[in-house]
Amino acid sequence: MALNTGGNPFEEDPGNPFQDPAVIQHKPSSDYATLDVYNPFNNPRQAPPPFESPASAQTVPSVTPAPPASVPQPLRKSSPTEPRNYGSYGTQDSTAAATADLLKRQEELNRKAEELDRRERELQNAALSNGAVRQNNWPPLPSFCPVKPCFYQDIPVEIPVDSQKTVNIMYYLWMASALTLFFNFLAMLAWFCVDVSGGSGFGLSILWPLLFTPCSFLCWFRPMYKAFRSDSSFNFFVFFFIFFAQDVLYVFQAIGIPGSGFSGWIMSLTALKRNTGVAILMMVVAMSFTAVAGMGIIMLKRIHSLYRRTGASFQKAQEEFAAGVFSNQAVRTAASSAATGAASSAFRAP
């Protein structure tokens, strides 16, 4: 038997174990060449493949390629329970800061607008005080009435912004007192119908609204109005003196002494024994007198505190009074006439 010296000695042997189909299917190839399955007898001239670790020889899981960019992907819908992203915390903080800045600017603009309105009113008051014609508008009477308005009164124009609320409250207080005196007249009329002996009280109830309504407006409301309009210490002192007496009168009206013409608490309890309806009407009037008296005391304290904050004093009031007296043309004319008469009589004396 000839020897095969150039290759595998078992290549032609039918009992060659390398010809077994189980071995042939695992025959190394160029695509799968590792050191573990390298056969040195297959091709002696081929260099052995490099060594690979068992970990690197493991099968790498296949990665599904991404679809082409030209194919649009369907939009993923968020589930109802999935929270939506409304922005980061930094965005929310910046929005809050911008909102606070806008509010601050709005407050500054409102403040400047109020200041401009105040200056405009001051200019209007200055123009009116320099000789411009002002048409009286109070009391508001119809045009066909033969009696014309006696005063010019405009709270939003003449009164500073900080004091307008106080002046309005005092104006409503004056109207409430006048209205209460009118209802007091009705209550005393009802009482006179029940008790004829109360004729004197009924007569006084007619006199009080005719007397107190105009006098209260002239004696304490107008001085208070002028005091806030021109910051006059003299008018403040006049108001405090007269309005204190007015508060005492409010308390006297609420008490309701029999025969005084006021249907206060004493008169209401007295009428309760004679007629229930008249007594209820008198009690309503007594409660109105009480409310007006309480509000008058509160407003007196409030205006006094405002007056103290302005730095006014009695000395300033005296100076204003002296300046007002000497600036009055009638007073100066009377003083010069008196001085001339005194000088003439002095020269004529022997």
Protein backbone atom coordinates (compact mmCIF):
# COMPACT_ATOMS: atom_id res chain seq x y z
CA MET A 1 0.00 0.00 0.00
CA ALA A 2 1.45 3.34 -1.06
CA LEU A 3 1.95 5.93 1.61
CA ASN A 4 0.40 9.36 1.26
CA THR A 5 3.18 11.70 2.31
CA GLY A 6 1.71 14.99 1.09
CA GLY A 7 -1.58 15.29 3.13
CA ASN A 8 -3.92 13.62 5.56
CA PRO A 9 -2.97 9.89 5.91
CA PHE A 10 -6.63 9.00 6.56
CA GLU A 11 -8.10 10.97 3.63
CA GLU A 12 -8.55 7.93 1.33
CA ASP A 13 -9.34 5.47 4.07
CA PRO A 14 -13.01 4.47 4.13
CA GLY A 15 -12.82 4.12 7.86
CA ASN A 16 -11.50 7.61 8.23
CA PRO A 17 -13.10 9.15 11.27
CA PHE A 18 -12.86 12.61 9.68
CA GLN A 19 -15.25 11.49 6.95
CA ASP A 20 -18.03 10.99 9.45
CA PRO A 21 -21.02 13.28 8.56
CA ALA A 22 -21.22 14.47 12.16
CA VAL A 23 -17.68 15.73 11.86
CA ILE A 24 -17.96 17.10 8.34
CA GLN A 25 -20.84 19.45 9.27
CA HIS A 26 -18.59 21.02 11.90
CA LYS A 27 -15.72 21.41 9.47
CA PRO A 28 -14.03 24.78 10.01
CA SER A 29 -14.53 27.50 7.44
CA SER A 30 -13.25 31.00 6.90
CA ASP A 31 -16.46 32.43 8.38
CA TYR A 32 -16.13 30.44 11.55
CA ALA A 33 -12.46 30.04 12.34
CA THR A 34 -11.33 29.94 15.94
CA LEU A 35 -8.38 28.38 17.66
CA ASP A 36 -10.57 25.72 19.29
CA VAL A 37 -11.60 24.10 15.98
CA TYR A 38 -8.42 24.79 14.03
CA ASN A 39 -7.24 21.70 12.07
CA PRO A 40 -3.54 21.78 11.34
CA PHE A 41 -3.90 18.92 8.85
CA ASN A 42 -6.39 20.72 6.59
CA ASN A 43 -4.04 23.38 5.23
CA PRO A 44 -0.59 23.30 6.75
CA ARG A 45 0.41 26.60 5.11
CA GLN A 46 -2.47 28.64 6.66
CA ALA A 47 -1.60 30.60 9.78
CA PRO A 48 -3.62 29.81 12.89
CA PRO A 49 -6.41 32.32 13.72
CA PRO A 50 -6.01 34.66 16.69
CA PHE A 51 -7.16 33.56 20.09
CA GLU A 52 -10.65 34.62 21.17
CA SER A 53 -11.95 34.34 24.71
CA PRO A 54 -15.07 32.27 25.31
CA ALA A 55 -16.99 35.40 26.37
CA SER A 56 -16.35 37.08 23.02
CA ALA A 57 -17.38 33.96 21.12
CA GLN A 58 -20.88 34.05 22.56
CA THR A 59 -23.72 34.88 20.28
CA VAL A 60 -24.47 38.60 20.23
CA PRO A 61 -28.21 39.32 20.28
CA SER A 62 -29.40 40.82 17.08
CA VAL A 63 -30.50 44.48 17.14
CA THR A 64 -33.59 45.43 15.21
CA PRO A 65 -32.60 48.19 12.78
CA ALA A 66 -34.37 51.52 13.12
CA PRO A 67 -36.97 52.28 10.50
CA PRO A 68 -36.09 54.76 7.77
CA ALA A 69 -36.44 58.44 8.58
CA SER A 70 -38.89 58.90 5.73
CA VAL A 71 -41.48 56.63 7.34
CA PRO A 72 -43.47 58.68 9.93
CA GLN A 73 -43.83 57.08 13.32
CA PRO A 74 -47.28 57.02 14.96
CA LEU A 75 -47.72 59.44 17.87
CA ARG A 76 -47.82 57.83 21.26
CA LYS A 77 -50.93 58.78 23.19
CA SER A 78 -50.50 59.39 26.87
CA SER A 79 -52.64 57.36 29.15
CA PRO A 80 -55.27 59.13 31.31
CA THR A 81 -53.36 58.26 34.45
CA GLU A 82 -50.03 59.45 33.09
CA PRO A 83 -49.16 62.92 34.47
CA ARG A 84 -48.59 65.61 31.90
CA ASN A 85 -45.47 67.69 31.89
CA TYR A 86 -46.49 71.31 32.18
CA GLY A 87 -42.98 72.64 32.49
CA SER A 88 -40.04 72.40 34.79
CA TYR A 89 -39.83 74.00 38.19
CA GLY A 90 -37.49 76.62 36.79
CA THR A 91 -40.10 77.70 34.25
CA GLN A 92 -42.80 77.98 36.95
CA ASP A 93 -40.51 80.08 39.16
CA SER A 94 -39.72 82.42 36.30
CA THR A 95 -43.44 82.79 35.51
CA ALA A 96 -44.24 83.63 39.15
CA ALA A 97 -41.45 86.20 39.23
CA ALA A 98 -42.73 87.80 36.02
CA THR A 99 -46.27 87.94 37.45
CA ALA A 100 -45.05 89.59 40.65
CA ASP A 101 -43.11 92.12 38.60
CA LEU A 102 -46.21 92.96 36.55
CA LEU A 103 -48.32 93.39 39.70
CA LYS A 104 -45.71 95.70 41.19
CA ARG A 105 -45.65 97.81 38.03
CA GLN A 106 -49.45 97.95 38.03
CA GLU A 107 -49.45 99.25 41.62
CA GLU A 108 -46.90 101.91 40.68
CA LEU A 109 -49.02 103.01 37.71
CA ASN A 110 -52.14 103.21 39.92
CA ARG A 111 -50.22 105.29 42.45
CA LYS A 112 -49.00 107.65 39.76
CA ALA A 113 -52.52 107.95 38.34
CA GLU A 114 -53.89 108.91 41.78
CA GLU A 115 -51.10 111.45 42.19
CA LEU A 116 -51.91 112.98 38.81
CA ASP A 117 -55.59 113.19 39.73
CA ARG A 118 -54.73 114.90 43.01
CA ARG A 119 -52.51 117.44 41.25
CA GLU A 120 -55.21 118.10 38.69
CA ARG A 121 -57.72 118.81 41.46
CA GLU A 122 -55.22 121.11 43.16
CA LEU A 123 -54.75 123.02 39.92
CA GLN A 124 -58.52 123.28 39.51
CA ASN A 125 -58.89 124.56 43.07
CA ALA A 126 -56.10 127.07 42.51
CA ALA A 127 -57.73 128.28 39.31
CA LEU A 128 -61.07 128.62 41.05
CA SER A 129 -59.57 130.48 43.99
CA ASN A 130 -57.84 132.96 41.66
CA GLY A 131 -61.11 134.48 40.58
CA ALA A 132 -62.73 131.95 38.32
CA VAL A 133 -66.50 131.85 38.49
CA ARG A 134 -67.89 128.90 40.44
CA GLN A 135 -71.56 128.15 40.14
CA ASN A 136 -73.20 127.16 43.42
CA ASN A 137 -74.60 123.64 43.38
CA TRP A 138 -75.82 123.01 46.94
CA PRO A 139 -78.56 122.51 47.98
CA PRO A 140 -79.54 120.80 44.72
CA LEU A 141 -82.72 122.65 43.86
CA PRO A 142 -84.70 122.44 40.61
CA SER A 143 -84.25 125.21 38.08
CA PHE A 144 -87.82 126.45 38.41
CA CYS A 145 -87.41 127.00 42.17
CA PRO A 146 -87.12 130.72 43.03
CA VAL A 147 -84.51 129.92 45.72
CA LYS A 148 -81.08 129.21 44.21
CA PRO A 149 -78.25 127.08 45.63
CA CYS A 150 -76.17 128.83 48.28
CA PHE A 151 -72.88 126.89 48.33
CA TYR A 152 -70.44 125.23 46.01
CA GLN A 153 -69.69 121.71 47.19
CA ASP A 154 -67.83 119.00 45.26
CA ILE A 155 -66.07 116.45 47.46
CA PRO A 156 -64.16 114.57 44.69
CA VAL A 157 -62.75 117.87 43.39
CA GLU A 158 -62.10 119.97 46.50
CA ILE A 159 -61.21 117.36 49.13
CA PRO A 160 -57.92 115.40 49.06
CA VAL A 161 -58.14 111.70 48.28
CA ASP A 162 -57.13 110.59 51.78
CA SER A 163 -59.94 112.62 53.40
CA GLN A 164 -62.78 112.06 50.94
CA LYS A 165 -64.11 108.99 52.76
CA THR A 166 -64.26 110.85 56.09
CA VAL A 167 -66.04 113.85 54.57
CA ASN A 168 -68.56 111.58 52.82
CA ILE A 169 -69.33 109.77 56.10
CA MET A 170 -69.92 113.06 57.86
CA TYR A 171 -72.20 114.20 55.06
CA TYR A 172 -74.24 111.01 55.35
CA LEU A 173 -74.31 111.45 59.13
CA TRP A 174 -75.79 114.92 58.71
CA MET A 175 -78.44 113.56 56.33
CA ALA A 176 -79.22 110.70 58.74
CA SER A 177 -79.74 113.14 61.61
CA ALA A 178 -82.07 115.28 59.47
CA LEU A 179 -84.05 112.21 58.39
CA THR A 180 -84.29 111.01 62.00
CA LEU A 181 -85.73 114.37 63.06
CA PHE A 182 -88.37 114.03 60.36
CA PHE A 183 -89.38 110.56 61.60
CA ASN A 184 -89.34 111.96 65.12
CA PHE A 185 -91.97 114.48 63.98
CA LEU A 186 -94.14 111.60 62.66
CA ALA A 187 -93.75 109.65 65.91
CA MET A 188 -94.69 112.66 68.03
CA LEU A 189 -97.69 113.27 65.76
CA ALA A 190 -98.82 109.68 66.37
CA TRP A 191 -98.33 110.16 70.10
CA PHE A 192 -100.34 113.41 70.03
CA CYS A 193 -103.20 111.49 68.40
CA VAL A 194 -103.11 109.01 71.29
CA ASP A 195 -102.48 111.50 74.11
CA VAL A 196 -103.82 115.02 73.52
CA SER A 197 -101.89 116.32 76.56
CA GLY A 198 -98.63 115.93 74.60
CA GLY A 199 -99.24 118.98 72.47
CA SER A 200 -96.11 120.82 73.65
CA GLY A 201 -93.87 117.91 72.63
CA PHE A 202 -95.56 117.75 69.23
CA GLY A 203 -94.98 121.49 68.71
CA LEU A 204 -91.29 121.16 69.57
CA SER A 205 -90.96 118.20 67.19
CA ILE A 206 -91.99 120.57 64.38
CA LEU A 207 -89.44 123.17 65.47
CA TRP A 208 -86.42 120.86 65.83
CA PRO A 209 -86.01 119.74 62.17
CA LEU A 210 -86.55 123.32 60.96
CA LEU A 211 -83.90 124.58 63.37
CA PHE A 212 -81.29 121.83 63.68
CA THR A 213 -81.07 120.77 60.02
CA PRO A 214 -79.74 124.06 58.55
CA CYS A 215 -77.85 125.02 61.71
CA SER A 216 -75.97 121.72 61.87
CA PHE A 217 -74.97 122.04 58.22
CA LEU A 218 -73.71 125.60 58.65
CA CYS A 219 -72.18 125.26 62.11
CA TRP A 220 -70.26 121.97 61.98
CA PHE A 221 -70.39 120.39 58.52
CA ARG A 222 -69.21 123.41 56.55
CA PRO A 223 -66.34 124.16 58.97
CA MET A 224 -65.30 120.51 58.73
CA TYR A 225 -65.52 120.67 54.93
CA LYS A 226 -63.38 123.82 54.80
CA ALA A 227 -60.89 122.35 57.26
CA PHE A 228 -60.22 119.33 55.06
CA ARG A 229 -60.30 121.40 51.89
CA SER A 230 -57.63 123.91 52.92
CA ASP A 231 -56.10 122.18 55.97
CA SER A 232 -57.32 125.01 58.21
CA SER A 233 -56.59 124.69 61.93
CA PHE A 234 -59.11 127.41 62.76
CA ASN A 235 -61.94 125.55 61.01
CA PHE A 236 -60.91 122.34 62.76
CA PHE A 237 -61.23 124.04 66.15
CA VAL A 238 -64.65 125.45 65.23
CA PHE A 239 -65.80 122.02 64.15
CA PHE A 240 -64.56 120.29 67.32
CA PHE A 241 -66.26 122.81 69.59
CA ILE A 242 -69.66 122.75 67.83
CA PHE A 243 -69.72 119.05 66.96
CA PHE A 244 -69.01 118.11 70.57
CA ALA A 245 -72.14 120.04 71.56
CA GLN A 246 -73.97 118.29 68.72
CA ASP A 247 -72.98 114.87 70.10
CA VAL A 248 -74.31 115.84 73.51
CA LEU A 249 -77.56 116.85 71.81
CA TYR A 250 -77.67 113.46 69.98
CA VAL A 251 -77.45 111.68 73.34
CA PHE A 252 -80.16 113.93 74.75
CA GLN A 253 -82.38 113.08 71.77
CA ALA A 254 -81.79 109.35 72.24
CA ILE A 255 -82.82 109.57 75.91
CA GLY A 256 -86.14 111.20 75.01
CA ILE A 257 -87.19 113.17 78.08
CA PRO A 258 -90.99 113.72 78.13
CA GLY A 259 -91.98 117.17 76.93
CA SER A 260 -88.70 117.73 75.03
CA GLY A 261 -90.17 116.88 71.64
CA PHE A 262 -87.89 113.83 71.12
CA SER A 263 -89.33 110.33 71.04
CA GLY A 264 -86.38 108.62 72.70
CA TRP A 265 -86.28 105.59 74.95
CA ILE A 266 -88.16 107.13 77.89
CA MET A 267 -90.99 108.30 75.63
CA SER A 268 -91.06 104.88 73.92
CA LEU A 269 -91.46 103.04 77.21
CA THR A 270 -94.14 105.51 78.25
CA ALA A 271 -96.09 104.97 75.01
CA LEU A 272 -95.84 101.21 75.44
CA LYS A 273 -98.46 101.41 78.19
CA ARG A 274 -100.92 103.31 75.99
CA ASN A 275 -100.51 102.08 72.39
CA THR A 276 -98.23 99.32 71.09
CA GLY A 277 -98.04 100.61 67.49
CA VAL A 278 -97.03 104.11 68.55
CA ALA A 279 -94.53 102.64 71.00
CA ILE A 280 -92.89 100.56 68.22
CA LEU A 281 -92.63 103.65 66.00
CA MET A 282 -91.03 105.60 68.84
CA MET A 283 -88.59 102.75 69.51
CA VAL A 284 -87.46 102.84 65.88
CA VAL A 285 -86.83 106.58 66.20
CA ALA A 286 -85.01 106.03 69.52
CA MET A 287 -82.74 103.42 67.89
CA SER A 288 -82.01 105.88 65.08
CA PHE A 289 -81.10 108.59 67.57
CA THR A 290 -78.83 106.12 69.38
CA ALA A 291 -77.08 105.06 66.16
CA VAL A 292 -76.53 108.68 65.13
CA ALA A 293 -75.13 109.54 68.58
CA GLY A 294 -72.74 106.56 68.54
CA MET A 295 -71.56 107.31 65.02
CA GLY A 296 -71.05 110.97 65.94
CA ILE A 297 -68.79 110.06 68.87
CA ILE A 298 -66.76 107.66 66.69
CA MET A 299 -66.28 110.21 63.92
CA LEU A 300 -65.34 112.94 66.40
CA LYS A 301 -62.51 110.76 67.72
CA ARG A 302 -61.45 109.79 64.21
CA ILE A 303 -61.28 113.35 62.91
CA HIS A 304 -59.42 114.45 66.03
CA SER A 305 -56.78 111.76 65.43
CA LEU A 306 -56.44 112.88 61.81
CA TYR A 307 -56.09 116.46 63.00
CA ARG A 308 -53.31 115.53 65.41
CA ARG A 309 -51.35 113.81 62.63
CA THR A 310 -51.26 116.99 60.54
CA GLY A 311 -49.20 118.79 63.19
CA ALA A 312 -51.79 121.54 63.69
CA SER A 313 -51.96 123.50 66.94
CA PHE A 314 -53.98 126.18 68.68
CA GLN A 315 -51.29 128.74 67.91
CA LYS A 316 -51.61 128.03 64.22
CA ALA A 317 -55.37 128.43 64.51
CA GLN A 318 -54.87 131.86 66.16
CA GLU A 319 -52.53 132.93 63.38
CA GLU A 320 -55.04 131.86 60.73
CA PHE A 321 -57.82 133.72 62.53
CA ALA A 322 -55.75 136.89 62.77
CA ALA A 323 -54.73 136.66 59.12
CA GLY A 324 -58.35 136.09 58.09
CA VAL A 325 -59.61 139.00 60.12
CA PHE A 326 -57.04 141.48 58.84
CA SER A 327 -57.42 140.27 55.25
CA ASN A 328 -61.17 140.94 55.35
CA GLN A 329 -61.98 144.13 53.47
CA ALA A 330 -64.96 145.00 55.68
CA VAL A 331 -62.90 144.64 58.84
CA ARG A 332 -60.11 146.77 57.44
CA THR A 333 -62.57 149.45 56.37
CA ALA A 334 -64.20 149.50 59.79
CA ALA A 335 -60.81 149.64 61.52
CA SER A 336 -59.59 152.51 59.38
CA SER A 337 -62.86 154.40 59.93
CA ALA A 338 -62.56 153.93 63.67
CA ALA A 339 -58.92 155.05 63.64
CA THR A 340 -59.77 158.11 61.54
CA GLY A 341 -62.62 159.01 63.84
CA ALA A 342 -60.43 158.64 66.92
CA ALA A 343 -57.69 160.76 65.38
CA SER A 344 -60.18 163.48 64.39
CA SER A 345 -61.69 163.60 67.84
CA ALA A 346 -58.23 163.80 69.34
CA PHE A 347 -57.27 166.80 67.20
CA ARG A 348 -60.53 168.58 67.95
CA ALA A 349 -60.21 168.23 71.68
CA PRO A 350 -59.11 171.49 73.42
